[in-house]
Amino acid sequence: MVNETTQSKIERELEIPSGNSEDPFASAVRATRMPMVITDPRQPDNPIIFCNDAFIKLTGYERHEIIGHNCRFLQGPATRQADTLKVREAIARREGIEIDLLNYRKDGTTFWNALLVSPVFSGGELVYFFASQLDVTERKRAEEHSFLLNRELSHRVKNTLATVQTVVLQTLRDGSVPERVAGAVAGRLRAIARSHDVLTAEAWASALLLDVIQGALDPIHSRVGDRLHVDGPDVRLKPRIATMLSLAMHELGDNALRYGALSNGSGRVDVHWRVGDGRFSLQWKESGGPSVSPPAEPGYGIRIVERVLAAEFGGTSRIEFAPDGIVFQLDAPSAGLEVERTAWTAP
């Protein structure tokens, strides 16, 4: 067991003086308000061999209750085992790790600990683990509050969209609007609703492009199976782009199902995107379908796919009515797709 006397020896070995020192770095470790500990992986159970006063203040334990013990004494019933497992695995691999852990003080109260663990090597040998802590409880509470607000907002938005859809469809029916038009409006509203579902799962920060496209095309995929193929690397999109992309994919998918490659039993659609050299490109390619030709007048759906989507991505797009099926190409800068233009930045 390491006691306070032994800690004084360790402080000398680590050049962490107990009093004033001309070494500003050594003095900072002791005087800083950031809680810090040092553990010795060469001893059984990797015990704490040094802690500064800030760590004592954070946890409520006395120094003699800390020194010689593994850091797990800060864990409790509500600490997620998956999180502690990540820490143990990083230590076993002799790697650093940053993670938020729910920890317990001596009096039983909890706090969220932003833990940073770093290995210290000397001559290729692992000699210490250095760990800093930061109480981020208020940030975690704010995140939880934001999550609850987003969930409530999601329910209200979905209810509002359902109400809008009902009102619009009833209005169209009362106005003797053709069923085809009413169906197109309903489909577009459902596409927007599906994009909102994806964004809500991501707390409206951003969404994975794959999730957005799969969500938009899910009703079609359930009917045509592997004749509709979607793949590409992970790309995150800001909410407005995600919503418009969902709407564009719905338009392309609905057209393919009615008139294009998915209207027969053998055609297929391949959606693929890639990122490289600062550019993002996406392709929708139909093949094996009936012969297609450009419409006499571009409709709203084509305008969404070509003009609106290009504007939202800040790039260019085009639809080619090839004999074998429609090909849609989008090219845009890859930077900033996940960041809102209105995001605040420091002056």
Foldseek 3Di string as FASTA:
>chain_A
DAAPVNLCVVCVVVVQHPDDDPPVVSPCQQPPLWWKWKFFPVDPLGATSDTHVNVCVVQVDDPRVRGPHHPCVFDDDPWDPVQVVVVVVCVVVQAKDWDWTWTAHPVGDIFIWGKTWHFDDDPNHTTMIMMTIDGCRVVVVVVVVLLVVLVVVLVVVLVVLVVVLVVVLVVCVVVVHDPVVNVLVNLLSVLLNLLSVQCSVVSQQWGWLVSLLCSLCVVVCVVQPPLEEEDEDTAIAHSVLSSLVSSLSNLVSVCCCVANQVVDNDKGWYWYWYDDPQKIKIKIDIFDIAFDDDDPDDDPSVCSNFPVNCVLQVWGKDWDRDRGGIMIMTMHGRPPRSPDPPDDDDD
